Amino acid sequence: MNDQQKKCIELANYFEFMPGSDHTHNQSELPHLFLKLPIKESVTFFGGSFNPFHQGHRACLDLCPEKNILIVPDCNPFKNNERSSEDVYNEFMALAEKLKDTPYSLYPGFLGLSRPNPTSSWLPLVEINEKNFLMGDDSYMSLLNWKNPEILLKSLTKLYIVPRNFHSSEYSHQEKLLKSINPNLEFYYLGEHPYQSISSTKMRKI
């Protein structure tokens, strides 16, 4: 583990509700740059590689009505991750600066790992009663292909879905499948935005 990764993990320890925290610090000590509002009873995660973070990501965040949104940068196990572990903390700080005047909080802990980190391996362990997830409809429609989707779905209260690659008429069948796993899961389909065609993968190739 290099110094950049260690810095990410050290900062993550202040998010005491997240798995892996050493519980020697707490979120009240976090600078506003990383935590905009205290996270106590409810949290909405927005995960992704964000490599790079772009206007489409920001549009998804702005469409979501939840107040406590926590952005969780990580490597995507379905993509070739091109982020260098030698610069992860600097990249995290650059993103924090970019979002400093927004209401969105930012978690660095998984950038300290040198391996994929499936959502089902950490989200059920989060010590918050209501756990929600914000995602694009491409992730939504492939959710059953994620690792241990049943464990993940049973841990969630709400799903917020943003249009990207699919038509809204295609959502109902997927919702039915997911509800068969967690009948209490709530689904919220958000509006369209002008940046739906933007892709981090395509941007890295430019």
N, C-alpha and C. Protein backbone atom coordinates (compact mmCIF):
# COMPACT_ATOMS: atom_id res chain seq x y z
N MET A 1 0.84 -1.19 0.00
CA MET A 1 0.00 0.00 0.00
C MET A 1 0.89 1.25 0.00
N ASN A 2 0.65 2.17 -0.93
CA ASN A 2 1.47 3.36 -1.01
C ASN A 2 0.90 4.50 -0.16
N ASP A 3 1.61 5.61 -0.10
CA ASP A 3 1.21 6.71 0.76
C ASP A 3 -0.13 7.32 0.35
N GLN A 4 -0.39 7.37 -0.96
CA GLN A 4 -1.67 7.91 -1.44
C GLN A 4 -2.84 7.06 -0.94
N GLN A 5 -2.71 5.76 -1.01
CA GLN A 5 -3.76 4.87 -0.53
C GLN A 5 -3.93 4.99 0.98
N LYS A 6 -2.83 5.09 1.71
CA LYS A 6 -2.90 5.23 3.17
C LYS A 6 -3.64 6.50 3.56
N LYS A 7 -3.43 7.59 2.84
CA LYS A 7 -4.12 8.84 3.13
C LYS A 7 -5.63 8.68 2.95
N CYS A 8 -6.03 7.94 1.92
CA CYS A 8 -7.46 7.69 1.69
C CYS A 8 -8.07 6.91 2.85
N ILE A 9 -7.37 5.88 3.30
CA ILE A 9 -7.88 5.05 4.39
C ILE A 9 -7.90 5.81 5.71
N GLU A 10 -6.89 6.62 5.96
CA GLU A 10 -6.85 7.43 7.18
C GLU A 10 -8.03 8.39 7.24
N LEU A 11 -8.34 9.03 6.13
CA LEU A 11 -9.46 9.94 6.08
C LEU A 11 -10.78 9.19 6.23
N ALA A 12 -10.86 7.99 5.66
CA ALA A 12 -12.09 7.20 5.74
C ALA A 12 -12.44 6.80 7.16
N ASN A 13 -11.46 6.74 8.04
CA ASN A 13 -11.73 6.36 9.43
C ASN A 13 -12.66 7.34 10.15
N TYR A 14 -12.77 8.57 9.63
CA TYR A 14 -13.68 9.55 10.23
C TYR A 14 -15.15 9.25 9.90
N PHE A 15 -15.38 8.44 8.86
CA PHE A 15 -16.74 8.03 8.52
C PHE A 15 -17.06 6.78 9.36
N GLU A 16 -17.36 6.96 10.63
CA GLU A 16 -17.42 5.83 11.56
C GLU A 16 -18.56 4.87 11.26
N PHE A 17 -19.54 5.28 10.46
CA PHE A 17 -20.65 4.40 10.11
C PHE A 17 -20.31 3.46 8.95
N MET A 18 -19.16 3.69 8.31
CA MET A 18 -18.77 2.86 7.17
C MET A 18 -17.96 1.65 7.63
N PRO A 19 -18.13 0.49 6.98
CA PRO A 19 -17.34 -0.68 7.35
C PRO A 19 -15.85 -0.43 7.13
N GLY A 20 -15.05 -0.96 8.03
CA GLY A 20 -13.60 -0.79 7.91
C GLY A 20 -13.07 0.36 8.74
N SER A 21 -13.97 1.24 9.24
CA SER A 21 -13.50 2.34 10.09
C SER A 21 -12.91 1.78 11.37
N ASP A 22 -11.85 2.42 11.86
CA ASP A 22 -11.25 1.95 13.10
C ASP A 22 -11.92 2.55 14.34
N HIS A 23 -12.95 3.40 14.11
CA HIS A 23 -13.76 3.99 15.18
C HIS A 23 -12.92 4.81 16.17
N THR A 24 -11.79 5.30 15.73
CA THR A 24 -10.99 6.19 16.58
C THR A 24 -11.33 7.66 16.31
N HIS A 25 -12.08 7.92 15.25
CA HIS A 25 -12.52 9.26 14.90
C HIS A 25 -14.01 9.21 14.59
N ASN A 26 -14.62 10.36 14.42
CA ASN A 26 -16.03 10.36 14.04
C ASN A 26 -16.31 11.49 13.06
N GLN A 27 -17.48 11.41 12.42
CA GLN A 27 -17.79 12.32 11.33
C GLN A 27 -17.88 13.78 11.76
N SER A 28 -18.11 14.05 13.04
CA SER A 28 -18.18 15.44 13.50
C SER A 28 -16.85 16.16 13.34
N GLU A 29 -15.77 15.41 13.19
CA GLU A 29 -14.44 15.99 13.04
C GLU A 29 -14.08 16.25 11.57
N LEU A 30 -14.92 15.80 10.66
CA LEU A 30 -14.61 15.93 9.24
C LEU A 30 -14.78 17.37 8.76
N PRO A 31 -13.85 17.87 7.95
CA PRO A 31 -14.03 19.18 7.32
C PRO A 31 -15.25 19.18 6.40
N HIS A 32 -15.86 20.35 6.25
CA HIS A 32 -17.03 20.51 5.39
C HIS A 32 -16.72 20.10 3.95
N LEU A 33 -15.47 20.17 3.56
CA LEU A 33 -15.07 19.78 2.20
C LEU A 33 -15.47 18.35 1.88
N PHE A 34 -15.47 17.48 2.90
CA PHE A 34 -15.76 16.06 2.68
C PHE A 34 -17.17 15.65 3.12
N LEU A 35 -17.68 16.29 4.17
CA LEU A 35 -18.99 15.92 4.71
C LEU A 35 -19.84 17.18 4.85
N LYS A 36 -20.86 17.33 4.00
CA LYS A 36 -21.66 18.55 3.98
C LYS A 36 -22.73 18.58 5.06
N LEU A 37 -23.29 17.40 5.38
CA LEU A 37 -24.30 17.28 6.42
C LEU A 37 -24.01 16.03 7.24
N PRO A 38 -24.32 16.05 8.54
CA PRO A 38 -24.15 14.81 9.33
C PRO A 38 -25.00 13.69 8.75
N ILE A 39 -24.46 12.49 8.71
CA ILE A 39 -25.19 11.32 8.20
C ILE A 39 -25.52 10.44 9.40
N LYS A 40 -26.81 10.40 9.75
CA LYS A 40 -27.23 9.69 10.96
C LYS A 40 -28.26 8.60 10.69
N GLU A 41 -29.40 8.99 10.11
CA GLU A 41 -30.52 8.04 9.95
C GLU A 41 -30.69 7.55 8.52
N SER A 42 -30.20 8.32 7.56
CA SER A 42 -30.42 7.98 6.15
C SER A 42 -29.21 8.42 5.33
N VAL A 43 -28.85 7.60 4.34
CA VAL A 43 -27.77 7.95 3.42
C VAL A 43 -28.11 7.40 2.04
N THR A 44 -27.81 8.18 1.02
CA THR A 44 -28.00 7.74 -0.36
C THR A 44 -26.63 7.69 -1.02
N PHE A 45 -26.23 6.50 -1.42
CA PHE A 45 -24.92 6.31 -2.03
C PHE A 45 -24.98 6.54 -3.54
N PHE A 46 -23.93 7.13 -4.06
CA PHE A 46 -23.75 7.27 -5.50
C PHE A 46 -22.36 6.75 -5.80
N GLY A 47 -22.29 5.53 -6.31
CA GLY A 47 -21.02 4.87 -6.53
C GLY A 47 -20.60 4.84 -7.99
N GLY A 48 -19.31 4.71 -8.21
CA GLY A 48 -18.80 4.60 -9.57
C GLY A 48 -17.31 4.82 -9.60
N SER A 49 -16.72 4.59 -10.76
CA SER A 49 -15.28 4.84 -10.89
C SER A 49 -14.99 6.34 -11.01
N PHE A 50 -15.93 7.11 -11.61
CA PHE A 50 -15.78 8.56 -11.73
C PHE A 50 -14.39 8.93 -12.26
N ASN A 51 -14.01 8.25 -13.33
CA ASN A 51 -12.65 8.39 -13.84
C ASN A 51 -12.66 8.78 -15.32
N PRO A 52 -12.98 10.09 -15.61
CA PRO A 52 -13.13 11.20 -14.68
C PRO A 52 -14.60 11.45 -14.30
N PHE A 53 -14.78 12.27 -13.28
CA PHE A 53 -16.10 12.78 -12.91
C PHE A 53 -16.52 13.79 -13.97
N HIS A 54 -17.78 13.73 -14.42
CA HIS A 54 -18.20 14.61 -15.51
C HIS A 54 -19.60 15.17 -15.27
N GLN A 55 -20.09 15.95 -16.24
CA GLN A 55 -21.37 16.64 -16.10
C GLN A 55 -22.55 15.67 -15.96
N GLY A 56 -22.43 14.48 -16.53
CA GLY A 56 -23.50 13.49 -16.39
C GLY A 56 -23.63 13.04 -14.94
N HIS A 57 -22.49 12.83 -14.28
CA HIS A 57 -22.53 12.46 -12.87
C HIS A 57 -23.17 13.58 -12.04
N ARG A 58 -22.77 14.81 -12.32
CA ARG A 58 -23.31 15.94 -11.56
C ARG A 58 -24.81 16.07 -11.79
N ALA A 59 -25.26 15.82 -13.02
CA ALA A 59 -26.69 15.91 -13.31
C ALA A 59 -27.48 14.87 -12.52
N CYS A 60 -26.94 13.67 -12.40
CA CYS A 60 -27.61 12.62 -11.61
C CYS A 60 -27.78 13.07 -10.17
N LEU A 61 -26.73 13.65 -9.61
CA LEU A 61 -26.77 14.13 -8.23
C LEU A 61 -27.82 15.23 -8.07
N ASP A 62 -27.85 16.15 -9.00
CA ASP A 62 -28.76 17.29 -8.90
C ASP A 62 -30.22 16.86 -9.05
N LEU A 63 -30.47 15.77 -9.73
CA LEU A 63 -31.84 15.29 -9.92
C LEU A 63 -32.38 14.57 -8.69
N CYS A 64 -31.51 14.07 -7.84
CA CYS A 64 -31.94 13.26 -6.70
C CYS A 64 -32.46 14.16 -5.58
N PRO A 65 -33.64 13.87 -5.04
CA PRO A 65 -34.21 14.73 -3.99
C PRO A 65 -33.66 14.50 -2.59
N GLU A 66 -32.87 13.43 -2.40
CA GLU A 66 -32.33 13.15 -1.07
C GLU A 66 -31.30 14.20 -0.65
N LYS A 67 -31.23 14.48 0.65
CA LYS A 67 -30.29 15.48 1.16
C LYS A 67 -28.91 14.89 1.43
N ASN A 68 -28.87 13.73 2.05
CA ASN A 68 -27.58 13.15 2.44
C ASN A 68 -27.08 12.18 1.38
N ILE A 69 -26.45 12.71 0.35
CA ILE A 69 -25.88 11.89 -0.71
C ILE A 69 -24.38 11.76 -0.47
N LEU A 70 -23.90 10.53 -0.47
CA LEU A 70 -22.48 10.27 -0.27
C LEU A 70 -21.91 9.64 -1.53
N ILE A 71 -21.01 10.36 -2.19
CA ILE A 71 -20.36 9.86 -3.39
C ILE A 71 -19.27 8.89 -2.98
N VAL A 72 -19.26 7.72 -3.62
CA VAL A 72 -18.31 6.66 -3.25
C VAL A 72 -17.49 6.26 -4.47
N PRO A 73 -16.35 6.91 -4.70
CA PRO A 73 -15.48 6.50 -5.81
C PRO A 73 -14.88 5.12 -5.55
N ASP A 74 -14.85 4.31 -6.58
CA ASP A 74 -14.33 2.95 -6.45
C ASP A 74 -13.97 2.47 -7.84
N CYS A 75 -13.30 1.33 -7.93
CA CYS A 75 -13.07 0.74 -9.24
C CYS A 75 -14.28 -0.12 -9.60
N ASN A 76 -14.61 -0.11 -10.86
CA ASN A 76 -15.76 -0.86 -11.36
C ASN A 76 -15.29 -2.25 -11.77
N PRO A 77 -15.81 -3.33 -11.14
CA PRO A 77 -15.34 -4.67 -11.48
C PRO A 77 -15.70 -5.11 -12.89
N PHE A 78 -16.63 -4.36 -13.56
CA PHE A 78 -17.03 -4.72 -14.92
C PHE A 78 -16.23 -3.96 -15.97
N LYS A 79 -15.31 -3.09 -15.52
CA LYS A 79 -14.52 -2.30 -16.46
C LYS A 79 -13.04 -2.46 -16.14
N ASN A 80 -12.21 -2.16 -17.12
CA ASN A 80 -10.78 -2.11 -16.86
C ASN A 80 -10.48 -0.80 -16.14
N ASN A 81 -10.10 -0.89 -14.90
CA ASN A 81 -9.85 0.32 -14.13
C ASN A 81 -8.50 0.92 -14.50
N GLU A 82 -8.53 2.16 -14.97
CA GLU A 82 -7.30 2.79 -15.43
C GLU A 82 -6.78 3.82 -14.43
N ARG A 83 -7.36 3.84 -13.23
CA ARG A 83 -6.89 4.78 -12.21
C ARG A 83 -5.60 4.27 -11.60
N SER A 84 -4.61 5.12 -11.47
CA SER A 84 -3.34 4.74 -10.88
C SER A 84 -3.41 4.89 -9.36
N SER A 85 -2.99 3.85 -8.64
CA SER A 85 -2.99 3.90 -7.18
C SER A 85 -1.98 4.93 -6.68
N GLU A 86 -1.07 5.36 -7.55
CA GLU A 86 -0.05 6.32 -7.15
C GLU A 86 -0.60 7.74 -7.01
N ASP A 87 -1.82 7.95 -7.48
CA ASP A 87 -2.34 9.32 -7.49
C ASP A 87 -3.76 9.41 -6.96
N VAL A 88 -4.25 8.37 -6.27
CA VAL A 88 -5.67 8.33 -5.89
C VAL A 88 -6.05 9.43 -4.91
N TYR A 89 -5.19 9.74 -3.96
CA TYR A 89 -5.54 10.77 -2.98
C TYR A 89 -5.59 12.14 -3.65
N ASN A 90 -4.65 12.42 -4.52
CA ASN A 90 -4.66 13.70 -5.23
C ASN A 90 -5.91 13.83 -6.10
N GLU A 91 -6.31 12.74 -6.74
CA GLU A 91 -7.54 12.75 -7.55
C GLU A 91 -8.75 12.98 -6.66
N PHE A 92 -8.76 12.34 -5.50
CA PHE A 92 -9.87 12.51 -4.56
C PHE A 92 -9.96 13.96 -4.10
N MET A 93 -8.84 14.57 -3.78
CA MET A 93 -8.84 15.95 -3.33
C MET A 93 -9.28 16.90 -4.44
N ALA A 94 -8.91 16.59 -5.66
CA ALA A 94 -9.33 17.42 -6.80
C ALA A 94 -10.85 17.35 -6.96
N LEU A 95 -11.42 16.16 -6.77
CA LEU A 95 -12.87 16.01 -6.86
C LEU A 95 -13.55 16.73 -5.69
N ALA A 96 -12.98 16.63 -4.50
CA ALA A 96 -13.54 17.33 -3.34
C ALA A 96 -13.57 18.84 -3.58
N GLU A 97 -12.52 19.36 -4.18
CA GLU A 97 -12.48 20.80 -4.49
C GLU A 97 -13.54 21.16 -5.54
N LYS A 98 -13.70 20.28 -6.51
CA LYS A 98 -14.69 20.53 -7.56
C LYS A 98 -16.11 20.58 -6.99
N LEU A 99 -16.35 19.81 -5.93
CA LEU A 99 -17.69 19.70 -5.36
C LEU A 99 -17.85 20.49 -4.05
N LYS A 100 -16.88 21.34 -3.74
CA LYS A 100 -16.88 21.99 -2.42
C LYS A 100 -18.10 22.89 -2.20
N ASP A 101 -18.65 23.46 -3.25
CA ASP A 101 -19.81 24.35 -3.09
C ASP A 101 -21.13 23.64 -3.36
N THR A 102 -21.12 22.33 -3.32
CA THR A 102 -22.33 21.53 -3.53
C THR A 102 -22.74 20.89 -2.20
N PRO A 103 -23.95 20.29 -2.12
CA PRO A 103 -24.37 19.61 -0.89
C PRO A 103 -23.94 18.16 -0.81
N TYR A 104 -23.04 17.73 -1.71
CA TYR A 104 -22.70 16.31 -1.81
C TYR A 104 -21.42 15.97 -1.06
N SER A 105 -21.51 14.94 -0.22
CA SER A 105 -20.36 14.49 0.56
C SER A 105 -19.56 13.45 -0.24
N LEU A 106 -18.37 13.17 0.24
CA LEU A 106 -17.43 12.35 -0.55
C LEU A 106 -16.64 11.42 0.36
N TYR A 107 -16.68 10.13 0.03
CA TYR A 107 -16.01 9.10 0.83
C TYR A 107 -14.80 8.55 0.08
N PRO A 108 -13.61 8.51 0.71
CA PRO A 108 -12.40 8.10 0.00
C PRO A 108 -11.93 6.67 0.24
N GLY A 109 -12.58 5.96 1.17
CA GLY A 109 -11.97 4.73 1.70
C GLY A 109 -11.66 3.65 0.71
N PHE A 110 -12.49 3.48 -0.30
CA PHE A 110 -12.28 2.36 -1.22
C PHE A 110 -11.18 2.65 -2.23
N LEU A 111 -10.77 3.91 -2.33
CA LEU A 111 -9.64 4.24 -3.20
C LEU A 111 -8.33 3.74 -2.62
N GLY A 112 -8.37 3.39 -1.33
CA GLY A 112 -7.18 2.85 -0.70
C GLY A 112 -7.00 1.37 -0.93
N LEU A 113 -7.97 0.74 -1.59
CA LEU A 113 -7.89 -0.70 -1.85
C LEU A 113 -7.27 -0.95 -3.22
N SER A 114 -6.59 -2.06 -3.36
CA SER A 114 -5.98 -2.41 -4.65
C SER A 114 -6.74 -3.53 -5.33
N ARG A 115 -8.04 -3.60 -5.09
CA ARG A 115 -8.86 -4.68 -5.64
C ARG A 115 -10.28 -4.18 -5.84
N PRO A 116 -11.05 -4.86 -6.68
CA PRO A 116 -12.46 -4.53 -6.81
C PRO A 116 -13.17 -4.70 -5.46
N ASN A 117 -14.21 -3.92 -5.26
CA ASN A 117 -14.89 -3.89 -3.97
C ASN A 117 -16.40 -3.91 -4.22
N PRO A 118 -16.99 -5.09 -4.48
CA PRO A 118 -18.40 -5.16 -4.84
C PRO A 118 -19.30 -4.48 -3.80
N THR A 119 -20.32 -3.81 -4.28
CA THR A 119 -21.22 -3.07 -3.39
C THR A 119 -21.83 -3.96 -2.31
N SER A 120 -22.13 -5.21 -2.68
CA SER A 120 -22.76 -6.12 -1.72
C SER A 120 -21.82 -6.51 -0.58
N SER A 121 -20.52 -6.23 -0.73
CA SER A 121 -19.57 -6.61 0.31
C SER A 121 -19.45 -5.54 1.40
N TRP A 122 -19.96 -4.32 1.11
CA TRP A 122 -19.83 -3.25 2.11
C TRP A 122 -21.14 -2.57 2.48
N LEU A 123 -22.04 -2.37 1.53
CA LEU A 123 -23.25 -1.59 1.83
C LEU A 123 -24.11 -2.22 2.93
N PRO A 124 -24.31 -3.55 2.96
CA PRO A 124 -25.12 -4.12 4.04
C PRO A 124 -24.51 -3.89 5.43
N LEU A 125 -23.23 -3.59 5.49
CA LEU A 125 -22.54 -3.41 6.77
C LEU A 125 -22.55 -1.96 7.25
N VAL A 126 -23.07 -1.06 6.44
CA VAL A 126 -23.13 0.35 6.82
C VAL A 126 -24.07 0.53 8.01
N GLU A 127 -23.62 1.23 9.03
CA GLU A 127 -24.38 1.36 10.27
C GLU A 127 -25.32 2.57 10.23
N ILE A 128 -26.19 2.56 9.25
CA ILE A 128 -27.23 3.58 9.06
C ILE A 128 -28.53 2.83 8.77
N ASN A 129 -29.63 3.28 9.36
CA ASN A 129 -30.89 2.54 9.21
C ASN A 129 -31.39 2.51 7.77
N GLU A 130 -31.44 3.68 7.12
CA GLU A 130 -31.97 3.75 5.76
C GLU A 130 -30.82 3.93 4.78
N LYS A 131 -30.65 2.93 3.93
CA LYS A 131 -29.58 2.97 2.92
C LYS A 131 -30.22 2.97 1.53
N ASN A 132 -29.95 4.01 0.76
CA ASN A 132 -30.49 4.16 -0.59
C ASN A 132 -29.37 4.18 -1.60
N PHE A 133 -29.72 4.04 -2.87
CA PHE A 133 -28.70 4.04 -3.91
C PHE A 133 -29.21 4.82 -5.11
N LEU A 134 -28.36 5.68 -5.63
CA LEU A 134 -28.62 6.45 -6.85
C LEU A 134 -27.78 5.87 -7.97
N MET A 135 -28.41 5.57 -9.11
CA MET A 135 -27.68 4.95 -10.22
C MET A 135 -28.30 5.30 -11.56
N GLY A 136 -27.50 5.17 -12.61
CA GLY A 136 -28.00 5.31 -13.97
C GLY A 136 -28.79 4.06 -14.35
N ASP A 137 -29.64 4.19 -15.36
CA ASP A 137 -30.47 3.04 -15.70
C ASP A 137 -29.68 1.89 -16.31
N ASP A 138 -28.46 2.15 -16.80
CA ASP A 138 -27.63 1.04 -17.28
C ASP A 138 -27.22 0.15 -16.11
N SER A 139 -26.89 0.75 -14.98
CA SER A 139 -26.58 -0.03 -13.78
C SER A 139 -27.84 -0.71 -13.24
N TYR A 140 -28.93 0.01 -13.27
CA TYR A 140 -30.20 -0.54 -12.78
C TYR A 140 -30.60 -1.80 -13.55
N MET A 141 -30.51 -1.73 -14.87
CA MET A 141 -30.95 -2.85 -15.69
C MET A 141 -30.00 -4.05 -15.61
N SER A 142 -28.78 -3.83 -15.12
CA SER A 142 -27.83 -4.94 -14.98
C SER A 142 -27.61 -5.34 -13.53
N LEU A 143 -28.44 -4.83 -12.64
CA LEU A 143 -28.20 -5.02 -11.21
C LEU A 143 -28.17 -6.49 -10.79
N LEU A 144 -28.96 -7.31 -11.43
CA LEU A 144 -28.98 -8.73 -11.08
C LEU A 144 -27.70 -9.46 -11.50
N ASN A 145 -26.86 -8.79 -12.29
CA ASN A 145 -25.57 -9.37 -12.67
C ASN A 145 -24.46 -8.96 -11.70
N TRP A 146 -24.78 -8.08 -10.75
CA TRP A 146 -23.79 -7.69 -9.76
C TRP A 146 -23.53 -8.87 -8.82
N LYS A 147 -22.45 -8.81 -8.08
CA LYS A 147 -22.14 -9.88 -7.13
C LYS A 147 -23.12 -9.85 -5.97
N ASN A 148 -23.71 -11.01 -5.67
CA ASN A 148 -24.65 -11.18 -4.57
C ASN A 148 -25.74 -10.10 -4.57
N PRO A 149 -26.49 -9.97 -5.66
CA PRO A 149 -27.50 -8.91 -5.72
C PRO A 149 -28.59 -9.04 -4.67
N GLU A 150 -28.91 -10.28 -4.26
CA GLU A 150 -29.95 -10.47 -3.26
C GLU A 150 -29.57 -9.81 -1.94
N ILE A 151 -28.31 -10.00 -1.54
CA ILE A 151 -27.83 -9.40 -0.29
C ILE A 151 -27.90 -7.87 -0.38
N LEU A 152 -27.49 -7.33 -1.51
CA LEU A 152 -27.52 -5.88 -1.70
C LEU A 152 -28.96 -5.36 -1.66
N LEU A 153 -29.83 -5.96 -2.43
CA LEU A 153 -31.20 -5.47 -2.55
C LEU A 153 -31.95 -5.52 -1.23
N LYS A 154 -31.71 -6.55 -0.45
CA LYS A 154 -32.40 -6.67 0.85
C LYS A 154 -31.90 -5.66 1.87
N SER A 155 -30.77 -5.01 1.57
CA SER A 155 -30.22 -4.01 2.47
C SER A 155 -30.69 -2.60 2.13
N LEU A 156 -31.35 -2.43 0.98
CA LEU A 156 -31.72 -1.11 0.49
C LEU A 156 -33.15 -0.74 0.84
N THR A 157 -33.37 0.56 1.01
CA THR A 157 -34.71 1.10 1.23
C THR A 157 -35.27 1.70 -0.06
N LYS A 158 -34.42 2.47 -0.77
CA LYS A 158 -34.88 3.15 -1.99
C LYS A 158 -33.82 3.04 -3.08
N LEU A 159 -34.31 2.96 -4.32
CA LEU A 159 -33.46 3.07 -5.50
C LEU A 159 -33.89 4.30 -6.29
N TYR A 160 -32.94 5.15 -6.63
CA TYR A 160 -33.19 6.30 -7.50
C TYR A 160 -32.51 6.02 -8.83
N ILE A 161 -33.30 6.05 -9.91
CA ILE A 161 -32.80 5.65 -11.23
C ILE A 161 -32.86 6.84 -12.18
N VAL A 162 -31.73 7.11 -12.84
CA VAL A 162 -31.63 8.21 -13.79
C VAL A 162 -31.55 7.64 -15.20
N PRO A 163 -32.33 8.17 -16.17
CA PRO A 163 -32.28 7.67 -17.54
C PRO A 163 -30.89 7.79 -18.15
N ARG A 164 -30.56 6.80 -18.99
CA ARG A 164 -29.29 6.88 -19.71
C ARG A 164 -29.41 6.13 -21.05
N ASN A 165 -29.53 4.80 -20.98
CA ASN A 165 -29.50 4.00 -22.20
C ASN A 165 -30.82 3.30 -22.54
N PHE A 166 -31.77 3.34 -21.62
CA PHE A 166 -32.99 2.56 -21.80
C PHE A 166 -34.22 3.47 -21.85
N HIS A 167 -35.30 2.91 -22.39
CA HIS A 167 -36.58 3.63 -22.40
C HIS A 167 -37.33 3.28 -21.13
N SER A 168 -38.09 4.23 -20.63
CA SER A 168 -38.81 4.02 -19.37
C SER A 168 -39.75 2.82 -19.42
N SER A 169 -40.21 2.45 -20.62
CA SER A 169 -41.12 1.31 -20.75
C SER A 169 -40.43 0.00 -20.40
N GLU A 170 -39.10 0.00 -20.38
CA GLU A 170 -38.34 -1.21 -20.07
C GLU A 170 -38.13 -1.41 -18.57
N TYR A 171 -38.47 -0.41 -17.79
CA TYR A 171 -38.18 -0.47 -16.36
C TYR A 171 -39.10 -1.40 -15.58
N SER A 172 -40.34 -1.51 -15.99
CA SER A 172 -41.35 -2.20 -15.16
C SER A 172 -40.99 -3.66 -14.93
N HIS A 173 -40.47 -4.33 -15.95
CA HIS A 173 -40.11 -5.75 -15.77
C HIS A 173 -38.97 -5.89 -14.78
N GLN A 174 -37.97 -5.01 -14.88
CA GLN A 174 -36.85 -5.06 -13.95
C GLN A 174 -37.31 -4.77 -12.52
N GLU A 175 -38.18 -3.80 -12.37
CA GLU A 175 -38.70 -3.49 -11.04
C GLU A 175 -39.42 -4.70 -10.44
N LYS A 176 -40.17 -5.39 -11.25
CA LYS A 176 -40.89 -6.58 -10.77
C LYS A 176 -39.91 -7.65 -10.29
N LEU A 177 -38.82 -7.85 -11.04
CA LEU A 177 -37.82 -8.84 -10.64
C LEU A 177 -37.15 -8.46 -9.32
N LEU A 178 -36.83 -7.19 -9.18
CA LEU A 178 -36.15 -6.75 -7.97
C LEU A 178 -37.08 -6.76 -6.77
N LYS A 179 -38.35 -6.45 -7.00
CA LYS A 179 -39.32 -6.49 -5.91
C LYS A 179 -39.57 -7.91 -5.42
N SER A 180 -39.34 -8.89 -6.28
CA SER A 180 -39.51 -10.28 -5.84
C SER A 180 -38.44 -10.65 -4.81
N ILE A 181 -37.35 -9.91 -4.81
CA ILE A 181 -36.27 -10.14 -3.84
C ILE A 181 -36.50 -9.29 -2.58
N ASN A 182 -36.90 -8.04 -2.78
CA ASN A 182 -37.20 -7.16 -1.65
C ASN A 182 -38.51 -6.42 -1.93
N PRO A 183 -39.63 -6.97 -1.46
CA PRO A 183 -40.94 -6.37 -1.74
C PRO A 183 -41.10 -4.96 -1.18
N ASN A 184 -40.29 -4.59 -0.20
CA ASN A 184 -40.42 -3.28 0.42
C ASN A 184 -39.56 -2.21 -0.24
N LEU A 185 -38.78 -2.61 -1.22
CA LEU A 185 -37.89 -1.65 -1.88
C LEU A 185 -38.71 -0.63 -2.67
N GLU A 186 -38.36 0.66 -2.50
CA GLU A 186 -39.06 1.75 -3.19
C GLU A 186 -38.24 2.18 -4.41
N PHE A 187 -38.95 2.46 -5.51
CA PHE A 187 -38.30 2.84 -6.76
C PHE A 187 -38.72 4.25 -7.16
N TYR A 188 -37.73 5.07 -7.52
CA TYR A 188 -38.00 6.43 -7.95
C TYR A 188 -37.25 6.68 -9.26
N TYR A 189 -38.02 6.97 -10.32
CA TYR A 189 -37.43 7.20 -11.64
C TYR A 189 -37.34 8.70 -11.86
N LEU A 190 -36.12 9.18 -12.00
CA LEU A 190 -35.87 10.62 -12.10
C LEU A 190 -35.92 11.10 -13.55
N GLY A 191 -35.88 12.40 -13.74
CA GLY A 191 -36.04 12.97 -15.06
C GLY A 191 -34.80 12.85 -15.93
N GLU A 192 -34.96 13.19 -17.19
CA GLU A 192 -33.85 13.16 -18.13
C GLU A 192 -32.97 14.39 -17.93
N HIS A 193 -31.75 14.32 -18.47
CA HIS A 193 -30.84 15.46 -18.41
C HIS A 193 -30.04 15.50 -19.71
N PRO A 194 -29.42 16.63 -20.03
CA PRO A 194 -28.77 16.79 -21.35
C PRO A 194 -27.41 16.11 -21.48
N TYR A 195 -26.94 15.41 -20.45
CA TYR A 195 -25.59 14.85 -20.51
C TYR A 195 -25.59 13.32 -20.48
N GLN A 196 -26.71 12.73 -20.88
CA GLN A 196 -26.87 11.28 -20.76
C GLN A 196 -25.91 10.49 -21.64
N SER A 197 -25.41 11.09 -22.69
CA SER A 197 -24.52 10.36 -23.61
C SER A 197 -23.05 10.44 -23.21
N ILE A 198 -22.74 11.23 -22.17
CA ILE A 198 -21.35 11.37 -21.76
C ILE A 198 -20.90 10.11 -21.03
N SER A 199 -19.69 9.65 -21.32
CA SER A 199 -19.13 8.44 -20.72
C SER A 199 -17.70 8.70 -20.28
N SER A 200 -17.36 8.30 -19.04
CA SER A 200 -15.98 8.44 -18.57
C SER A 200 -15.03 7.63 -19.44
N THR A 201 -15.46 6.42 -19.85
CA THR A 201 -14.62 5.58 -20.68
C THR A 201 -14.27 6.27 -21.99
N LYS A 202 -15.28 6.89 -22.63
CA LYS A 202 -15.05 7.59 -23.88
C LYS A 202 -14.14 8.82 -23.65
N MET A 203 -14.35 9.48 -22.53
CA MET A 203 -13.54 10.68 -22.25
C MET A 203 -12.07 10.33 -22.07
N ARG A 204 -11.79 9.16 -21.49
CA ARG A 204 -10.39 8.77 -21.28
C ARG A 204 -9.69 8.46 -22.60
N LYS A 205 -10.47 8.15 -23.64
CA LYS A 205 -9.90 7.79 -24.93
C LYS A 205 -9.63 9.01 -25.81
N ILE A 206 -10.16 10.15 -25.37
CA ILE A 206 -9.97 11.38 -26.19
C ILE A 206 -8.53 11.88 -26.08
